[in-house]
Amino acid sequence: MNEIKKMKIATIVIAAGYSSRMQAFKPLLKFGDQTAVERVLMTHQKAGVDQIILVAGHRAAEIKPYFKEQAINGVINERYDEGMYTSIQKGIDQLDDDVVAFFVHPVDIPLIGVATIKALMMAFRPLSQGILYPCFMGERGHPPLIHEKYREAILRNKQDGGLRRFLECHETDATSFALADEAILMDMDTQADYQRLLDYDGLMAPNLCECYALMDLYQLPLEIRKHCEMVYRVVRNLENRLADKGIKLNSGVLRAAALLHDLLKTQKDHAQAAGTLLKQMGYDQVGSLIATHMDIEVEPEVAIRENEILYLADKLVENDHQIDLSHRKKKMLERHKDNPEVQEKIEQRFINAETIINKIENLENKDKNKD
């Protein structure tokens, strides 16, 4: 983090285009209580970017109110009708003299995570590369982080192809940085794109591809990966049993937690460590489930919760196969027969698991009794 503070980083947010294919004004499309432009600005503010420049053009009067926000440098590109590149140039022209590198972030890619921006700033090394691209599953996305040495060249550039073509000409000075954030690839040119982004935003959890990207990034050993996949399958089966009884759980959060609960298994206090990691990525609910997958307090009379399902599923899986709960309990007690303290913990953990099973079976038996 100290190295970030030594480098002044800026962001140029482009919100100047016509939004013609969308048939709605992209910067003001809503994601929850925020507009797209608010979401992008907030992301870079929370990430600790030093200077944020917001470039308006088409319907500038509707963007101008955001200029009044603290730490936002607002500017209008009168040449916005000539294309995005003129807006990028307008933004670059506003950069402070001591900026070391700058992001270029089009407003129609609104859901990039705060953790992604932080990671890119941490990864940037001015002496080793001039252009840093975020990358998801081998594909580059937005926003690139560009060394200030290209500032004047971008301003003088007259070739066709915009910023993409300019950066391609400097590929030898570029590198990719792998991340588990599919939002770097997700723009909104059409209403269908917008709906896909709304669905993604509502998930409140890493999607399936992002879960596997995290496994790859943290080099999760194959045997642990297989265990997580089996826990995921057991979770889905338990979800289906509950759904038949009218109990709806947060599937996105629960399934992501199942796949990632042992993400940091090779580290000390792996449940807490992985839970903290997911919370830092902005997935508070997933992180909370993961943090409690080893130990939990179960209240028999309280409605069944997602953390109980994850806890139970983990106890029902040994290595990469499902196992009878009593059989696994017996094996674990035998394994630790010379350690009464550990045996006591094992007993309590399986009492909790059995209580969760009873809660599920009681729900099922209620319906049978009604019949």
Protein backbone atom coordinates (compact mmCIF):
# COMPACT_ATOMS: atom_id res chain seq x y z
CA MET A 1 0.00 0.00 0.00
CA ASN A 2 2.91 2.37 0.69
CA GLU A 3 3.98 2.06 -2.93
CA ILE A 4 0.54 3.20 -4.09
CA LYS A 5 0.83 6.32 -1.97
CA LYS A 6 4.14 7.19 -3.59
CA MET A 7 2.46 7.13 -7.01
CA LYS A 8 -0.34 9.53 -7.81
CA ILE A 9 -3.01 7.64 -9.74
CA ALA A 10 -5.85 9.27 -11.69
CA THR A 11 -9.00 8.05 -13.39
CA ILE A 12 -10.71 9.48 -16.45
CA VAL A 13 -14.39 8.51 -16.48
CA ILE A 14 -15.95 8.89 -19.93
CA ALA A 15 -19.67 9.77 -19.86
CA ALA A 16 -19.94 11.82 -23.04
CA GLY A 17 -21.37 9.58 -25.77
CA TYR A 18 -24.76 9.38 -27.45
CA SER A 19 -25.78 5.94 -26.09
CA SER A 20 -27.50 5.43 -29.44
CA ARG A 21 -27.61 1.63 -29.46
CA MET A 22 -28.94 1.51 -25.90
CA GLN A 23 -31.84 3.86 -26.70
CA ALA A 24 -31.42 5.23 -23.18
CA PHE A 25 -28.79 7.50 -21.64
CA LYS A 26 -26.22 5.07 -20.24
CA PRO A 27 -24.69 7.26 -17.50
CA LEU A 28 -28.07 7.63 -15.80
CA LEU A 29 -29.22 4.01 -15.98
CA LYS A 30 -29.92 2.77 -12.47
CA PHE A 31 -28.22 0.03 -10.46
CA GLY A 32 -30.14 -0.06 -7.22
CA ASP A 33 -30.15 3.45 -5.80
CA GLN A 34 -27.21 4.57 -7.91
CA THR A 35 -26.82 5.64 -11.51
CA ALA A 36 -24.10 4.03 -13.63
CA VAL A 37 -21.96 7.17 -13.41
CA GLU A 38 -22.36 7.27 -9.62
CA ARG A 39 -21.30 3.62 -9.37
CA VAL A 40 -18.14 4.18 -11.40
CA LEU A 41 -17.19 7.34 -9.50
CA MET A 42 -17.82 5.64 -6.15
CA THR A 43 -15.68 2.63 -7.16
CA HIS A 44 -12.63 4.76 -7.87
CA GLN A 45 -13.18 6.92 -4.80
CA LYS A 46 -13.38 3.88 -2.53
CA ALA A 47 -10.29 2.41 -4.18
CA GLY A 48 -8.30 5.48 -3.20
CA VAL A 49 -7.65 7.00 -6.63
CA ASP A 50 -6.08 10.44 -6.16
CA GLN A 51 -7.64 12.41 -9.02
CA ILE A 52 -10.95 11.58 -10.72
CA ILE A 53 -11.89 13.37 -13.94
CA LEU A 54 -15.45 13.05 -15.25
CA VAL A 55 -15.86 13.92 -18.93
CA ALA A 56 -19.35 14.89 -20.13
CA GLY A 57 -20.61 15.76 -23.61
CA HIS A 58 -24.00 14.61 -24.89
CA ARG A 59 -26.70 15.73 -22.42
CA ALA A 60 -23.96 17.38 -20.36
CA ALA A 61 -26.50 19.30 -18.28
CA GLU A 62 -27.61 15.98 -16.73
CA ILE A 63 -24.03 15.02 -15.85
CA LYS A 64 -23.04 18.43 -14.49
CA PRO A 65 -24.54 17.83 -11.02
CA TYR A 66 -21.90 15.16 -10.47
CA PHE A 67 -19.19 17.77 -11.04
CA LYS A 68 -20.11 19.23 -7.65
CA GLU A 69 -19.10 16.09 -5.78
CA GLN A 70 -16.01 16.46 -3.68
CA ALA A 71 -12.82 15.25 -5.37
CA ILE A 72 -14.44 15.09 -8.84
CA ASN A 73 -12.94 17.20 -11.61
CA GLY A 74 -15.71 17.77 -14.15
CA VAL A 75 -15.07 18.81 -17.74
CA ILE A 76 -17.24 19.06 -20.86
CA ASN A 77 -16.01 17.82 -24.23
CA GLU A 78 -17.59 20.04 -26.87
CA ARG A 79 -16.29 17.66 -29.58
CA TYR A 80 -18.02 14.57 -28.19
CA ASP A 81 -19.78 14.02 -31.53
CA GLU A 82 -16.36 13.16 -33.05
CA GLY A 83 -16.09 10.02 -30.91
CA MET A 84 -14.83 8.74 -27.57
CA TYR A 85 -11.18 9.43 -28.34
CA THR A 86 -11.76 13.19 -28.15
CA SER A 87 -13.27 12.70 -24.68
CA ILE A 88 -10.23 10.70 -23.59
CA GLN A 89 -7.98 13.49 -24.87
CA LYS A 90 -10.08 16.07 -23.02
CA GLY A 91 -9.69 14.09 -19.82
CA ILE A 92 -5.94 13.63 -20.25
CA ASP A 93 -5.59 17.36 -20.72
CA GLN A 94 -6.96 17.79 -17.17
CA LEU A 95 -4.49 15.44 -15.47
CA ASP A 96 -2.41 16.90 -12.67
CA ASP A 97 1.27 17.26 -13.51
CA ASP A 98 2.38 14.80 -10.84
CA VAL A 99 0.09 11.94 -11.93
CA VAL A 100 2.19 8.81 -12.54
CA ALA A 101 -0.51 6.71 -14.23
CA PHE A 102 -4.18 6.96 -15.14
CA PHE A 103 -7.17 4.70 -15.75
CA VAL A 104 -9.52 5.27 -18.68
CA HIS A 105 -12.95 4.01 -17.62
CA PRO A 106 -15.98 4.24 -19.96
CA VAL A 107 -19.18 4.66 -17.96
CA ASP A 108 -20.87 1.81 -19.83
CA ILE A 109 -18.69 -0.71 -17.95
CA PRO A 110 -20.13 0.19 -14.54
CA LEU A 111 -19.82 -2.81 -12.21
CA ILE A 112 -16.07 -3.27 -11.84
CA GLY A 113 -15.19 -3.98 -8.22
CA VAL A 114 -13.34 -1.69 -5.85
CA ALA A 115 -10.96 -4.57 -5.13
CA THR A 116 -10.14 -4.77 -8.84
CA ILE A 117 -9.05 -1.12 -9.01
CA LYS A 118 -7.01 -1.53 -5.83
CA ALA A 119 -5.34 -4.67 -7.19
CA LEU A 120 -4.40 -2.95 -10.44
CA MET A 121 -2.85 -0.04 -8.55
CA MET A 122 -0.92 -2.46 -6.36
CA ALA A 123 0.30 -4.39 -9.40
CA PHE A 124 1.42 -1.36 -11.42
CA ARG A 125 5.19 -1.07 -11.68
CA PRO A 126 6.25 1.94 -13.78
CA LEU A 127 9.73 0.58 -14.39
CA SER A 128 8.49 -2.75 -15.80
CA GLN A 129 5.42 -1.83 -17.86
CA GLY A 130 3.68 1.22 -19.25
CA ILE A 131 0.22 -0.30 -19.82
CA LEU A 132 -1.51 -2.67 -17.41
CA TYR A 133 -4.68 -4.47 -18.52
CA PRO A 134 -7.11 -6.25 -16.18
CA CYS A 135 -7.68 -9.78 -17.42
CA PHE A 136 -10.43 -12.33 -16.73
CA MET A 137 -10.02 -15.96 -17.80
CA GLY A 138 -7.44 -14.93 -20.39
CA GLU A 139 -9.41 -12.01 -21.87
CA ARG A 140 -8.41 -8.39 -21.39
CA GLY A 141 -10.97 -5.85 -20.24
CA HIS A 142 -11.39 -2.36 -18.76
CA PRO A 143 -10.08 -0.12 -17.41
CA PRO A 144 -6.45 -0.13 -18.57
CA LEU A 145 -3.93 1.64 -16.33
CA ILE A 146 -1.61 3.75 -18.48
CA HIS A 147 1.73 5.33 -17.57
CA GLU A 148 1.84 9.12 -17.83
CA LYS A 149 4.68 8.87 -20.38
CA TYR A 150 1.96 8.21 -22.98
CA ARG A 151 0.05 11.36 -22.09
CA GLU A 152 1.45 13.61 -24.82
CA ALA A 153 1.51 10.86 -27.43
CA ILE A 154 -2.22 10.21 -26.90
CA LEU A 155 -2.95 13.92 -27.17
CA ARG A 156 -0.99 14.19 -30.45
CA ASN A 157 -2.22 10.94 -31.95
CA LYS A 158 -4.12 11.31 -35.25
CA GLN A 159 -4.44 7.68 -36.38
CA ASP A 160 -7.81 5.95 -36.67
CA GLY A 161 -8.90 3.31 -34.19
CA GLY A 162 -9.04 5.36 -31.02
CA LEU A 163 -7.30 4.44 -27.79
CA ARG A 164 -7.50 0.70 -28.49
CA ARG A 165 -5.47 1.06 -31.68
CA PHE A 166 -3.00 3.40 -30.00
CA LEU A 167 -2.35 0.97 -27.16
CA GLU A 168 -2.01 -1.95 -29.59
CA CYS A 169 0.90 -0.09 -31.16
CA HIS A 170 2.65 -0.25 -27.77
CA GLU A 171 1.97 -3.90 -27.02
CA THR A 172 5.61 -4.59 -26.13
CA ASP A 173 5.17 -2.23 -23.17
CA ALA A 174 1.92 -3.86 -22.00
CA THR A 175 1.10 -6.66 -19.60
CA SER A 176 -2.04 -8.39 -18.36
CA PHE A 177 -3.04 -8.87 -14.73
CA ALA A 178 -5.32 -11.80 -13.92
CA LEU A 179 -8.36 -11.04 -11.77
CA ALA A 180 -11.56 -12.80 -10.71
CA ASP A 181 -13.85 -9.99 -11.85
CA GLU A 182 -15.93 -10.73 -14.94
CA ALA A 183 -17.36 -7.20 -14.80
CA ILE A 184 -14.21 -5.94 -16.53
CA LEU A 185 -15.66 -7.51 -19.70
CA MET A 186 -19.30 -6.51 -19.20
CA ASP A 187 -20.42 -3.40 -21.05
CA MET A 188 -23.94 -2.24 -21.84
CA ASP A 189 -24.57 -1.40 -25.46
CA THR A 190 -28.10 -2.83 -25.57
CA GLN A 191 -31.08 -3.34 -23.28
CA ALA A 192 -30.17 -7.03 -23.11
CA ASP A 193 -26.68 -6.08 -21.88
CA TYR A 194 -28.23 -3.83 -19.26
CA GLN A 195 -30.48 -6.61 -18.01
CA ARG A 196 -27.50 -8.97 -17.82
CA LEU A 197 -25.66 -6.40 -15.70
CA LEU A 198 -28.68 -5.96 -13.43
CA ASP A 199 -28.81 -9.72 -12.90
CA TYR A 200 -25.08 -9.81 -12.20
CA ASP A 201 -25.32 -6.92 -9.74
CA GLY A 202 -28.21 -8.58 -7.92
CA LEU A 203 -26.26 -11.79 -7.37
CA MET A 204 -24.26 -10.32 -4.44
CA ALA A 205 -21.74 -13.09 -4.96
CA PRO A 206 -19.05 -14.14 -7.43
CA ASN A 207 -20.66 -16.05 -10.28
CA LEU A 208 -19.62 -19.57 -11.27
CA CYS A 209 -16.87 -18.42 -13.64
CA GLU A 210 -15.50 -16.01 -11.03
CA CYS A 211 -15.41 -18.77 -8.42
CA TYR A 212 -13.26 -20.92 -10.71
CA ALA A 213 -11.11 -17.91 -11.56
CA LEU A 214 -10.46 -17.46 -7.83
CA MET A 215 -9.51 -21.12 -7.53
CA ASP A 216 -7.01 -20.61 -10.34
CA LEU A 217 -5.63 -17.36 -8.90
CA TYR A 218 -5.04 -18.96 -5.50
CA GLN A 219 -3.75 -22.19 -7.05
CA LEU A 220 -6.20 -24.34 -5.15
CA PRO A 221 -4.91 -27.94 -5.15
CA LEU A 222 -6.96 -30.39 -7.20
CA GLU A 223 -8.04 -32.54 -4.23
CA ILE A 224 -9.40 -29.48 -2.37
CA ARG A 225 -11.09 -28.24 -5.53
CA LYS A 226 -12.85 -31.59 -5.91
CA HIS A 227 -13.96 -31.43 -2.28
CA CYS A 228 -15.44 -27.95 -2.84
CA GLU A 229 -17.24 -29.13 -5.95
CA MET A 230 -18.82 -32.01 -4.04
CA VAL A 231 -19.89 -29.68 -1.22
CA TYR A 232 -21.44 -27.49 -3.93
CA ARG A 233 -23.44 -30.47 -5.25
CA VAL A 234 -24.62 -31.43 -1.77
CA VAL A 235 -25.66 -27.83 -1.13
CA ARG A 236 -27.75 -27.85 -4.30
CA ASN A 237 -29.44 -31.09 -3.27
CA LEU A 238 -30.27 -29.67 0.16
CA GLU A 239 -31.55 -26.48 -1.46
CA ASN A 240 -33.87 -28.53 -3.66
CA ARG A 241 -35.24 -30.41 -0.66
CA LEU A 242 -35.99 -27.13 1.09
CA ALA A 243 -37.44 -25.55 -2.05
CA ASP A 244 -39.95 -28.42 -2.21
CA LYS A 245 -41.13 -27.26 1.21
CA GLY A 246 -41.37 -23.62 0.21
CA ILE A 247 -38.09 -22.55 1.84
CA LYS A 248 -36.17 -20.22 -0.46
CA LEU A 249 -32.53 -19.48 0.28
CA ASN A 250 -30.09 -17.07 -1.36
CA SER A 251 -28.75 -19.55 -3.91
CA GLY A 252 -26.13 -17.27 -5.45
CA VAL A 253 -24.50 -16.50 -2.11
CA LEU A 254 -24.79 -20.05 -0.80
CA ARG A 255 -23.42 -21.76 -3.90
CA ALA A 256 -20.47 -19.37 -4.17
CA ALA A 257 -19.66 -19.99 -0.51
CA ALA A 258 -19.80 -23.75 -1.13
CA LEU A 259 -17.32 -23.53 -3.99
CA LEU A 260 -14.98 -21.18 -2.14
CA HIS A 261 -15.23 -22.30 1.50
CA ASP A 262 -11.80 -23.97 1.38
CA LEU A 263 -10.20 -21.47 -1.00
CA LEU A 264 -7.40 -20.78 1.51
CA LYS A 265 -7.33 -24.27 3.02
CA THR A 266 -3.52 -24.35 2.98
CA GLN A 267 -3.38 -21.27 5.23
CA LYS A 268 -3.75 -21.00 8.99
CA ASP A 269 -7.33 -20.27 10.16
CA HIS A 270 -8.44 -20.83 6.58
CA ALA A 271 -12.15 -20.22 7.21
CA GLN A 272 -11.58 -16.77 8.66
CA ALA A 273 -8.89 -15.95 6.08
CA ALA A 274 -11.13 -16.85 3.12
CA GLY A 275 -14.10 -15.10 4.70
CA THR A 276 -12.07 -11.92 5.10
CA LEU A 277 -10.85 -12.14 1.50
CA LEU A 278 -14.38 -12.39 0.09
CA LYS A 279 -15.54 -9.49 2.26
CA GLN A 280 -12.65 -7.39 0.96
CA MET A 281 -13.87 -8.19 -2.55
CA GLY A 282 -17.27 -6.76 -1.63
CA TYR A 283 -19.07 -10.06 -0.98
CA ASP A 284 -20.00 -9.66 2.69
CA GLN A 285 -22.62 -12.41 2.83
CA VAL A 286 -20.42 -14.95 1.09
CA GLY A 287 -17.55 -14.06 3.40
CA SER A 288 -19.74 -14.49 6.48
CA LEU A 289 -20.89 -17.95 5.37
CA ILE A 290 -17.34 -19.08 4.68
CA ALA A 291 -16.07 -17.73 8.01
CA THR A 292 -18.58 -19.92 9.92
CA HIS A 293 -18.37 -23.13 7.91
CA MET A 294 -16.15 -24.83 10.52
CA ASP A 295 -18.09 -23.89 13.67
CA ILE A 296 -21.61 -22.66 14.12
CA GLU A 297 -24.33 -22.19 16.71
CA VAL A 298 -27.57 -23.90 15.71
CA GLU A 299 -30.88 -22.91 17.24
CA PRO A 300 -33.39 -25.72 16.70
CA GLU A 301 -36.46 -23.46 16.75
CA VAL A 302 -35.09 -20.78 14.40
CA ALA A 303 -35.80 -20.95 10.64
CA ILE A 304 -33.06 -22.67 8.70
CA ARG A 305 -30.36 -20.38 7.31
CA GLU A 306 -27.78 -20.46 4.53
CA ASN A 307 -24.84 -20.85 6.90
CA GLU A 308 -26.41 -23.99 8.36
CA ILE A 309 -26.76 -25.55 4.92
CA LEU A 310 -23.12 -24.87 4.09
CA TYR A 311 -22.03 -26.19 7.48
CA LEU A 312 -24.02 -29.40 7.06
CA ALA A 313 -22.91 -29.98 3.47
CA ASP A 314 -19.25 -29.68 4.49
CA LYS A 315 -19.76 -32.29 7.23
CA LEU A 316 -21.45 -34.64 4.76
CA VAL A 317 -18.43 -34.64 2.42
CA GLU A 318 -15.17 -36.44 3.08
CA ASN A 319 -12.49 -35.60 0.54
CA ASP A 320 -14.50 -35.65 -2.72
CA HIS A 321 -17.36 -38.01 -1.88
CA GLN A 322 -20.51 -37.81 0.18
CA ILE A 323 -20.52 -39.82 3.40
CA ASP A 324 -23.03 -40.81 6.06
CA LEU A 325 -22.82 -38.35 8.95
CA SER A 326 -22.59 -40.97 11.72
CA HIS A 327 -19.91 -42.88 9.80
CA ARG A 328 -17.80 -39.75 9.37
CA LYS A 329 -18.22 -38.84 13.02
CA LYS A 330 -17.02 -42.29 14.08
CA LYS A 331 -13.95 -42.05 11.84
CA MET A 332 -13.01 -38.62 13.13
CA LEU A 333 -13.40 -39.63 16.78
CA GLU A 334 -11.22 -42.67 16.16
CA ARG A 335 -8.60 -40.53 14.44
CA HIS A 336 -8.34 -38.28 17.50
CA LYS A 337 -8.91 -40.90 20.21
CA ASP A 338 -5.86 -39.74 22.15
CA ASN A 339 -6.97 -36.11 22.29
CA PRO A 340 -10.07 -35.62 24.49
CA GLU A 341 -10.20 -31.87 23.81
CA VAL A 342 -10.40 -32.40 20.04
CA GLN A 343 -12.93 -35.20 20.52
CA GLU A 344 -15.16 -32.84 22.49
CA LYS A 345 -15.10 -30.33 19.62
CA ILE A 346 -15.89 -33.09 17.12
CA GLU A 347 -18.86 -34.21 19.22
CA GLN A 348 -20.26 -30.68 19.32
CA ARG A 349 -19.78 -30.14 15.60
CA PHE A 350 -21.70 -33.28 14.78
CA ILE A 351 -24.44 -32.45 17.29
CA ASN A 352 -24.86 -29.20 15.35
CA ALA A 353 -24.95 -31.06 12.02
CA GLU A 354 -27.52 -33.54 13.36
CA THR A 355 -29.65 -30.64 14.63
CA ILE A 356 -29.67 -29.13 11.12
CA ILE A 357 -30.69 -32.48 9.63
CA ASN A 358 -33.53 -32.67 12.14
CA LYS A 359 -34.68 -29.19 11.14
CA ILE A 360 -34.84 -30.26 7.49
CA GLU A 361 -36.59 -33.55 8.29
CA ASN A 362 -39.11 -31.81 10.55
CA LEU A 363 -40.07 -29.54 7.65
CA GLU A 364 -40.54 -32.57 5.42
CA ASN A 365 -42.50 -34.48 8.06
CA LYS A 366 -44.88 -31.55 8.58
CA ASP A 367 -46.03 -31.85 4.97
CA LYS A 368 -46.41 -35.63 5.31
CA ASN A 369 -48.58 -35.19 8.39
CA LYS A 370 -50.77 -32.70 6.52
CA ASP A 371 -51.32 -35.29 3.81
